[in-house]
Amino acid sequence: MNDPTQHQPRKRRTSRYQRAQDRRKSQRRADQRFYNSIFGVIGACVLVVLGLAMIASSGNAPTISGNAENLTQRTFLRLTGLEIGGLIVVGIIGVFMWRRIKKR
């Protein structure tokens, strides 16, 4: 059973090529997860915007009162608060994309 004269099967080491392939595969998976999450956020934002557009175009839009009224008034560079918020969201997504590309 434990005869020292018998040869045990040699454990094969992973080649450098296989390790490189594994690294590439894990990087592709990580990239895919990242892009799926970004496109999920973008899709949710698009659905919200389309929903708001449908409500506004139907003529049954509720009146805005209180602090929410400030979001529709022109403030900085003739932009409304909602437009500034949208630009901030796009900027944040752009920064995440830029960091992801620079990390490579």
Protein backbone atom coordinates (compact mmCIF):
# COMPACT_ATOMS: atom_id res chain seq x y z
CA MET A 1 0.00 0.00 0.00
CA ASN A 2 2.59 2.57 1.02
CA ASP A 3 5.38 0.99 -0.95
CA PRO A 4 8.13 3.58 -1.46
CA THR A 5 9.19 1.87 -4.68
CA GLN A 6 5.88 2.65 -6.37
CA HIS A 7 5.75 5.89 -8.26
CA GLN A 8 2.98 8.24 -7.36
CA PRO A 9 1.39 10.26 -10.12
CA ARG A 10 3.16 13.54 -10.54
CA LYS A 11 1.10 16.60 -9.65
CA ARG A 12 1.08 18.81 -12.64
CA ARG A 13 1.76 22.48 -12.12
CA THR A 14 -0.29 25.06 -13.92
CA SER A 15 1.58 26.54 -16.82
CA ARG A 16 2.15 30.28 -17.14
CA TYR A 17 -0.10 30.28 -20.16
CA GLN A 18 -2.96 28.72 -18.21
CA ARG A 19 -2.51 31.20 -15.35
CA ALA A 20 -2.59 34.08 -17.83
CA GLN A 21 -5.74 32.66 -19.41
CA ASP A 22 -7.35 32.36 -15.97
CA ARG A 23 -6.46 35.99 -15.19
CA ARG A 24 -7.95 37.15 -18.49
CA LYS A 25 -11.10 35.15 -17.87
CA SER A 26 -11.58 36.57 -14.38
CA GLN A 27 -10.95 40.10 -15.72
CA ARG A 28 -13.58 39.58 -18.43
CA ARG A 29 -16.04 38.38 -15.78
CA ALA A 30 -15.34 41.39 -13.58
CA ASP A 31 -15.75 43.74 -16.55
CA GLN A 32 -19.04 42.09 -17.49
CA ARG A 33 -20.39 42.47 -13.94
CA PHE A 34 -19.34 46.14 -13.96
CA TYR A 35 -20.97 46.87 -17.32
CA ASN A 36 -24.13 45.01 -16.30
CA SER A 37 -24.45 47.15 -13.18
CA ILE A 38 -23.80 50.39 -15.09
CA PHE A 39 -26.35 49.53 -17.77
CA GLY A 40 -28.81 48.51 -15.06
CA VAL A 41 -28.50 51.94 -13.43
CA ILE A 42 -28.83 53.67 -16.81
CA GLY A 43 -31.89 51.57 -17.67
CA ALA A 44 -33.55 52.42 -14.35
CA CYS A 45 -32.89 56.13 -14.93
CA VAL A 46 -34.34 55.94 -18.43
CA LEU A 47 -37.49 54.25 -17.11
CA VAL A 48 -37.92 56.95 -14.46
CA VAL A 49 -37.49 59.70 -17.06
CA LEU A 50 -39.96 58.03 -19.43
CA GLY A 51 -42.46 57.64 -16.60
CA LEU A 52 -42.15 61.31 -15.68
CA ALA A 53 -42.50 62.32 -19.32
CA MET A 54 -45.67 60.24 -19.67
CA ILE A 55 -47.16 61.78 -16.53
CA ALA A 56 -46.28 65.29 -17.68
CA SER A 57 -47.65 64.77 -21.18
CA SER A 58 -50.95 63.28 -19.98
CA GLY A 59 -52.03 66.55 -18.44
CA ASN A 60 -52.69 64.96 -15.07
CA ALA A 61 -49.38 66.00 -13.59
CA PRO A 62 -49.61 66.82 -9.88
CA THR A 63 -48.74 70.32 -8.74
CA ILE A 64 -45.37 70.76 -7.15
CA SER A 65 -45.30 72.52 -3.81
CA GLY A 66 -42.81 73.10 -1.03
CA ASN A 67 -39.09 72.52 -1.48
CA ALA A 68 -39.56 70.41 -4.62
CA GLU A 69 -40.55 73.57 -6.48
CA ASN A 70 -36.92 74.70 -6.40
CA LEU A 71 -35.93 71.76 -8.59
CA THR A 72 -37.79 73.18 -11.58
CA GLN A 73 -36.56 76.76 -11.33
CA ARG A 74 -33.59 77.98 -13.35
CA THR A 75 -30.58 78.35 -11.08
CA PHE A 76 -27.01 77.89 -12.27
CA LEU A 77 -26.12 78.62 -15.92
CA ARG A 78 -29.85 78.61 -16.75
CA LEU A 79 -30.14 74.95 -15.70
CA THR A 80 -32.79 73.55 -13.38
CA GLY A 81 -32.03 71.50 -10.30
CA LEU A 82 -33.21 68.34 -12.05
CA GLU A 83 -30.89 68.95 -14.99
CA ILE A 84 -27.96 69.54 -12.64
CA GLY A 85 -28.79 66.31 -10.81
CA GLY A 86 -28.84 64.43 -14.11
CA LEU A 87 -25.48 65.86 -15.09
CA ILE A 88 -24.06 64.80 -11.72
CA VAL A 89 -25.31 61.22 -12.20
CA VAL A 90 -23.80 61.09 -15.71
CA GLY A 91 -20.54 62.51 -14.32
CA ILE A 92 -20.38 59.88 -11.58
CA ILE A 93 -20.93 57.08 -14.09
CA GLY A 94 -18.24 58.62 -16.31
CA VAL A 95 -15.77 58.70 -13.43
CA PHE A 96 -16.44 55.02 -12.66
CA MET A 97 -15.92 54.10 -16.31
CA TRP A 98 -12.71 56.17 -16.51
CA ARG A 99 -11.32 54.55 -13.34
CA ARG A 100 -12.15 51.10 -14.67
CA ILE A 101 -10.35 51.77 -17.96
CA LYS A 102 -7.31 53.35 -16.25
CA LYS A 103 -6.99 50.38 -13.87
CA ARG A 104 -6.08 48.12 -16.75
